[in-house]
Amino acid sequence: MSKQDTEVTATKMKRKKYEKELLKLQAELCRLQAWVVHKGLRVIVVLEGRDAAGKGGTIKAIMERVSPRKFHLVALPAPSDREKTQLYAQRYIQHFPAAGEIVIFDRSWYNRAGVEYVMEFCTKDEYKSFVENCPKFESYVTKAGIILIKFWLEVGKDEQHKRFEARIEDPMRQWKLSPMDLESYSRWYAYSRARDMMLEATDTKDAPWYIVRSDDKRRARLNLIAHFLSLIPYKDVKKDKVKLPKRSDKDEYDDQSTLKGRNYVPERY
């Protein structure tokens, strides 16, 4: 990162400017959505990164104004006993997009290269098999016509510390903390090595990784969304002008009086 870049990112983006820029990008996401549906495209977005890197807030910014029927979020829990006996990628593949869909994975098959490797939830042979076969798998996916985009959110050591402290102090954030998060915090360099090995093995021409600096959450969200939009060429989709039909007065009656005596929610606000 250049000195100029450091100076630019030293001051975190103000909320007003962030919200203005985000609204522009969200409008473009809606245009992209219409294009994806129109062309029957299939898109997968993988979001990975350390705990507290900002994945959740980024996903919220992406999903806020698009259709949940077209943008699908997949955030899988730990595998069940049954899933542990399946082909490793099986539980992820079942969520892959059909035509006209964009699927966002909040963590993905890359669990094997990260938490499973560091915490020794997988064997060395399972890890080796993953890093050898993952590029082949992703090459197959892209050659089948699916657009696969992978983002790694890179949060700094000091910033992660601040975010963990904030989660401890704020009752509305404490749900984000888990024993696994605390364990990952204590193994910073083990996760760094796992990240480096993952990138070395799986940053390929067919499915490259895009690294997003995320110490400033607002800049990270904008940068990620803007780059995502740049990776899929799209155009405006021509739509027929919508006109509301005239309401029929047939069988007209007082349709509010029939609700008298029902249980209404108290209007406290």
Protein backbone atom coordinates (compact mmCIF):
# COMPACT_ATOMS: atom_id res chain seq x y z
CA MET A 1 0.00 0.00 0.00
CA SER A 2 1.41 3.38 -0.99
CA LYS A 3 1.91 6.32 1.37
CA GLN A 4 -0.93 8.10 -0.41
CA ASP A 5 -3.25 5.12 0.11
CA THR A 6 -2.32 5.01 3.79
CA GLU A 7 -3.13 8.69 4.21
CA VAL A 8 -6.47 8.29 2.45
CA THR A 9 -7.57 5.34 4.60
CA ALA A 10 -6.21 6.72 7.89
CA THR A 11 -9.43 8.70 8.39
CA LYS A 12 -12.49 6.51 8.41
CA MET A 13 -15.29 7.44 6.05
CA LYS A 14 -18.07 9.62 7.47
CA ARG A 15 -21.54 8.13 7.67
CA LYS A 16 -23.22 10.75 5.44
CA LYS A 17 -20.78 10.22 2.58
CA TYR A 18 -20.91 6.45 3.04
CA GLU A 19 -24.71 6.32 2.88
CA LYS A 20 -24.75 8.51 -0.23
CA GLU A 21 -22.26 6.27 -2.06
CA LEU A 22 -23.90 3.08 -0.83
CA LEU A 23 -27.27 4.15 -2.19
CA LYS A 24 -25.73 4.63 -5.65
CA LEU A 25 -24.16 1.17 -5.54
CA GLN A 26 -27.37 -0.43 -4.28
CA ALA A 27 -29.21 1.05 -7.26
CA GLU A 28 -26.61 -0.58 -9.50
CA LEU A 29 -27.10 -3.90 -7.69
CA CYS A 30 -30.79 -3.71 -8.62
CA ARG A 31 -29.81 -3.10 -12.25
CA LEU A 32 -27.44 -6.06 -12.09
CA GLN A 33 -30.17 -8.20 -10.59
CA ALA A 34 -32.53 -7.40 -13.47
CA TRP A 35 -29.76 -8.27 -15.97
CA VAL A 36 -28.96 -11.56 -14.25
CA VAL A 37 -32.63 -12.56 -14.37
CA HIS A 38 -33.00 -11.37 -17.98
CA LYS A 39 -29.97 -13.33 -19.18
CA GLY A 40 -30.45 -16.33 -16.91
CA LEU A 41 -27.00 -15.93 -15.40
CA ARG A 42 -25.82 -17.97 -12.42
CA VAL A 43 -23.57 -16.21 -9.95
CA ILE A 44 -21.79 -17.33 -6.77
CA VAL A 45 -20.14 -14.87 -4.40
CA VAL A 46 -17.88 -16.32 -1.70
CA LEU A 47 -17.13 -14.12 1.30
CA GLU A 48 -14.32 -15.27 3.56
CA GLY A 49 -12.13 -13.64 6.18
CA ARG A 50 -11.20 -13.76 9.83
CA ASP A 51 -13.79 -13.35 12.57
CA ALA A 52 -14.84 -9.69 12.88
CA ALA A 53 -13.56 -8.90 9.39
CA GLY A 54 -16.91 -7.33 8.46
CA LYS A 55 -18.59 -10.05 6.40
CA GLY A 56 -21.99 -9.63 8.05
CA GLY A 57 -22.21 -5.89 7.51
CA THR A 58 -21.06 -6.25 3.91
CA ILE A 59 -23.71 -8.86 3.21
CA LYS A 60 -26.37 -6.64 4.77
CA ALA A 61 -25.29 -3.74 2.54
CA ILE A 62 -25.55 -5.98 -0.55
CA MET A 63 -28.88 -7.56 0.35
CA GLU A 64 -30.70 -4.49 1.70
CA ARG A 65 -32.47 -3.40 -1.50
CA VAL A 66 -32.43 -6.46 -3.76
CA SER A 67 -34.92 -9.31 -3.95
CA PRO A 68 -34.27 -12.19 -1.54
CA ARG A 69 -35.81 -14.42 -4.22
CA LYS A 70 -32.94 -13.57 -6.58
CA PHE A 71 -30.11 -12.90 -4.12
CA HIS A 72 -29.86 -15.90 -1.80
CA LEU A 73 -27.74 -15.87 1.34
CA VAL A 74 -26.23 -19.18 2.45
CA ALA A 75 -24.72 -19.27 5.94
CA LEU A 76 -24.49 -22.90 6.95
CA PRO A 77 -24.07 -24.09 10.54
CA ALA A 78 -21.55 -26.73 11.56
CA PRO A 79 -22.16 -29.97 9.62
CA SER A 80 -24.48 -32.56 11.12
CA ASP A 81 -23.35 -36.11 11.80
CA ARG A 82 -24.99 -37.15 8.53
CA GLU A 83 -23.34 -34.35 6.55
CA LYS A 84 -19.95 -35.33 7.92
CA THR A 85 -20.30 -38.64 6.05
CA GLN A 86 -21.15 -36.97 2.73
CA LEU A 87 -18.85 -35.79 -0.03
CA TYR A 88 -17.27 -32.66 1.45
CA ALA A 89 -18.67 -30.22 -1.12
CA GLN A 90 -22.11 -31.84 -1.18
CA ARG A 91 -23.83 -29.60 1.35
CA TYR A 92 -22.61 -26.52 -0.49
CA ILE A 93 -23.46 -27.69 -4.00
CA GLN A 94 -27.13 -28.11 -3.13
CA HIS A 95 -27.30 -24.33 -2.65
CA PHE A 96 -25.73 -23.45 -6.01
CA PRO A 97 -27.76 -21.05 -8.18
CA ALA A 98 -30.24 -21.84 -10.89
CA ALA A 99 -30.70 -19.48 -13.83
CA GLY A 100 -31.36 -15.90 -12.78
CA GLU A 101 -29.96 -16.29 -9.26
CA ILE A 102 -27.06 -14.88 -7.25
CA VAL A 103 -25.96 -16.93 -4.23
CA ILE A 104 -23.80 -15.37 -1.52
CA PHE A 105 -21.90 -17.76 0.72
CA ASP A 106 -21.16 -16.35 4.16
CA ARG A 107 -18.27 -18.73 4.63
CA SER A 108 -18.08 -21.65 2.27
CA TRP A 109 -16.19 -24.80 1.36
CA TYR A 110 -13.12 -22.79 2.38
CA ASN A 111 -13.89 -23.68 6.00
CA ARG A 112 -11.62 -26.64 5.33
CA ALA A 113 -8.69 -24.37 4.50
CA GLY A 114 -9.34 -22.13 7.49
CA VAL A 115 -11.06 -23.07 10.72
CA GLU A 116 -11.01 -26.83 10.09
CA TYR A 117 -7.29 -26.80 9.36
CA VAL A 118 -6.29 -24.51 12.22
CA MET A 119 -8.53 -26.18 14.82
CA GLU A 120 -7.65 -29.67 13.54
CA PHE A 121 -11.26 -30.52 12.70
CA CYS A 122 -9.98 -32.28 9.59
CA THR A 123 -7.10 -34.66 9.05
CA LYS A 124 -3.93 -33.70 7.18
CA ASP A 125 -4.99 -35.98 4.33
CA GLU A 126 -8.40 -34.29 4.13
CA TYR A 127 -6.73 -30.88 4.02
CA LYS A 128 -4.27 -32.00 1.36
CA SER A 129 -7.08 -33.45 -0.72
CA PHE A 130 -8.99 -30.17 -0.45
CA VAL A 131 -6.19 -27.86 -1.60
CA GLU A 132 -5.35 -30.22 -4.46
CA ASN A 133 -8.91 -30.67 -5.68
CA CYS A 134 -10.50 -27.30 -4.92
CA PRO A 135 -8.97 -25.57 -7.99
CA LYS A 136 -10.20 -28.43 -10.19
CA PHE A 137 -13.66 -28.21 -8.64
CA GLU A 138 -13.86 -24.45 -9.14
CA SER A 139 -12.58 -24.76 -12.69
CA TYR A 140 -15.38 -27.22 -13.40
CA VAL A 141 -17.91 -24.83 -11.85
CA THR A 142 -16.80 -21.88 -13.97
CA LYS A 143 -16.56 -23.92 -17.17
CA ALA A 144 -20.14 -25.03 -16.52
CA GLY A 145 -21.10 -21.36 -16.95
CA ILE A 146 -21.37 -20.25 -13.32
CA ILE A 147 -19.74 -16.93 -12.48
CA LEU A 148 -17.67 -17.54 -9.33
CA ILE A 149 -16.36 -14.51 -7.42
CA LYS A 150 -14.30 -14.90 -4.24
CA PHE A 151 -13.58 -12.13 -1.74
CA TRP A 152 -11.25 -12.27 1.24
CA LEU A 153 -11.85 -9.51 3.83
CA GLU A 154 -8.54 -8.67 5.47
CA VAL A 155 -8.84 -7.05 8.89
CA GLY A 156 -5.74 -5.93 10.80
CA LYS A 157 -4.65 -7.30 14.14
CA ASP A 158 -5.35 -4.10 16.08
CA GLU A 159 -8.71 -3.50 14.43
CA GLN A 160 -9.86 -7.05 15.12
CA HIS A 161 -8.91 -6.53 18.77
CA LYS A 162 -11.06 -3.37 18.92
CA ARG A 163 -14.02 -5.17 17.38
CA PHE A 164 -13.78 -8.09 19.80
CA GLU A 165 -13.61 -5.68 22.74
CA ALA A 166 -16.70 -3.89 21.40
CA ARG A 167 -18.56 -7.18 21.18
CA ILE A 168 -17.69 -7.98 24.79
CA GLU A 169 -18.90 -4.59 26.04
CA ASP A 170 -22.04 -4.17 23.91
CA PRO A 171 -25.01 -6.39 24.89
CA MET A 172 -26.39 -6.03 21.36
CA ARG A 173 -23.21 -7.52 19.89
CA GLN A 174 -22.47 -10.24 22.41
CA TRP A 175 -24.44 -12.77 20.36
CA LYS A 176 -21.65 -12.48 17.78
CA LEU A 177 -19.14 -13.95 20.22
CA SER A 178 -18.67 -17.70 20.47
CA PRO A 179 -16.04 -19.90 22.08
CA MET A 180 -14.72 -20.59 18.58
CA ASP A 181 -14.31 -16.84 17.95
CA LEU A 182 -12.22 -16.47 21.10
CA GLU A 183 -10.11 -19.46 20.11
CA SER A 184 -9.52 -17.99 16.67
CA TYR A 185 -8.51 -14.67 18.26
CA SER A 186 -5.78 -16.40 20.24
CA ARG A 187 -4.40 -18.11 17.11
CA TRP A 188 -3.79 -15.06 14.93
CA TYR A 189 -0.65 -16.27 13.19
CA ALA A 190 -1.96 -19.80 12.71
CA TYR A 191 -4.87 -18.28 10.78
CA SER A 192 -2.45 -16.03 8.87
CA ARG A 193 -0.46 -19.07 7.73
CA ALA A 194 -3.68 -20.88 6.81
CA ARG A 195 -4.75 -17.85 4.76
CA ASP A 196 -1.41 -17.73 2.96
CA MET A 197 -1.53 -21.44 2.09
CA MET A 198 -5.12 -21.15 0.93
CA LEU A 199 -4.33 -18.24 -1.37
CA GLU A 200 -1.25 -19.98 -2.74
CA ALA A 201 -3.24 -23.10 -3.62
CA THR A 202 -6.56 -21.63 -4.79
CA ASP A 203 -5.89 -18.17 -6.28
CA THR A 204 -6.30 -19.34 -9.86
CA LYS A 205 -7.05 -17.87 -13.26
CA ASP A 206 -10.48 -19.56 -13.31
CA ALA A 207 -11.38 -18.43 -9.79
CA PRO A 208 -9.11 -15.67 -8.47
CA TRP A 209 -9.29 -14.22 -4.97
CA TYR A 210 -9.95 -10.51 -4.46
CA ILE A 211 -8.62 -9.13 -1.18
CA VAL A 212 -10.51 -6.28 0.49
CA ARG A 213 -8.88 -4.27 3.24
CA SER A 214 -11.58 -4.01 5.91
CA ASP A 215 -10.21 -1.97 8.83
CA ASP A 216 -12.63 0.73 7.68
CA LYS A 217 -15.89 -1.18 7.36
CA ARG A 218 -17.63 1.48 5.30
CA ARG A 219 -14.88 1.78 2.72
CA ALA A 220 -14.60 -2.00 2.59
CA ARG A 221 -18.29 -2.44 1.81
CA LEU A 222 -18.22 0.18 -0.93
CA ASN A 223 -15.01 -1.14 -2.46
CA LEU A 224 -16.25 -4.72 -2.46
CA ILE A 225 -19.65 -3.91 -3.98
CA ALA A 226 -18.09 -1.63 -6.62
CA HIS A 227 -15.60 -4.33 -7.61
CA PHE A 228 -18.32 -6.99 -7.67
CA LEU A 229 -20.34 -4.83 -10.06
CA SER A 230 -17.28 -4.34 -12.27
CA LEU A 231 -16.80 -8.08 -12.71
CA ILE A 232 -20.16 -8.77 -14.39
CA PRO A 233 -20.92 -6.67 -17.49
CA TYR A 234 -24.59 -5.65 -17.41
CA LYS A 235 -27.01 -3.30 -19.10
CA ASP A 236 -30.39 -1.82 -18.36
CA VAL A 237 -33.22 -4.21 -19.07
CA LYS A 238 -36.10 -2.64 -20.98
CA LYS A 239 -39.33 -2.93 -19.03
CA ASP A 240 -42.93 -2.28 -19.96
CA LYS A 241 -44.39 0.77 -18.26
CA VAL A 242 -46.41 -0.26 -15.22
CA LYS A 243 -49.89 1.15 -14.80
CA LEU A 244 -52.16 0.33 -11.90
CA PRO A 245 -55.48 -1.21 -12.99
CA LYS A 246 -58.77 0.37 -11.95
CA ARG A 247 -60.22 -1.13 -8.79
CA SER A 248 -63.57 -2.82 -9.19
CA ASP A 249 -66.49 -1.59 -7.06
CA LYS A 250 -68.34 -4.84 -7.56
CA ASP A 251 -69.68 -6.25 -4.27
CA GLU A 252 -68.58 -3.10 -2.45
CA TYR A 253 -69.05 -3.09 1.34
CA ASP A 254 -67.56 -1.58 4.51
CA ASP A 255 -64.55 -3.87 4.79
CA GLN A 256 -63.27 -2.15 7.93
CA SER A 257 -66.37 -2.63 10.04
CA THR A 258 -65.96 -6.42 9.80
CA LEU A 259 -62.67 -6.12 11.71
CA LYS A 260 -64.27 -4.59 14.80
CA GLY A 261 -63.73 -6.68 17.91
CA ARG A 262 -60.63 -8.41 16.54
CA ASN A 263 -57.30 -8.45 18.34
CA TYR A 264 -55.28 -5.44 17.24
CA VAL A 265 -51.66 -4.82 18.14
CA PRO A 266 -51.52 -1.91 20.64
CA GLU A 267 -50.31 1.26 18.89
CA ARG A 268 -47.52 2.22 21.26
CA TYR A 269 -45.71 4.36 18.71
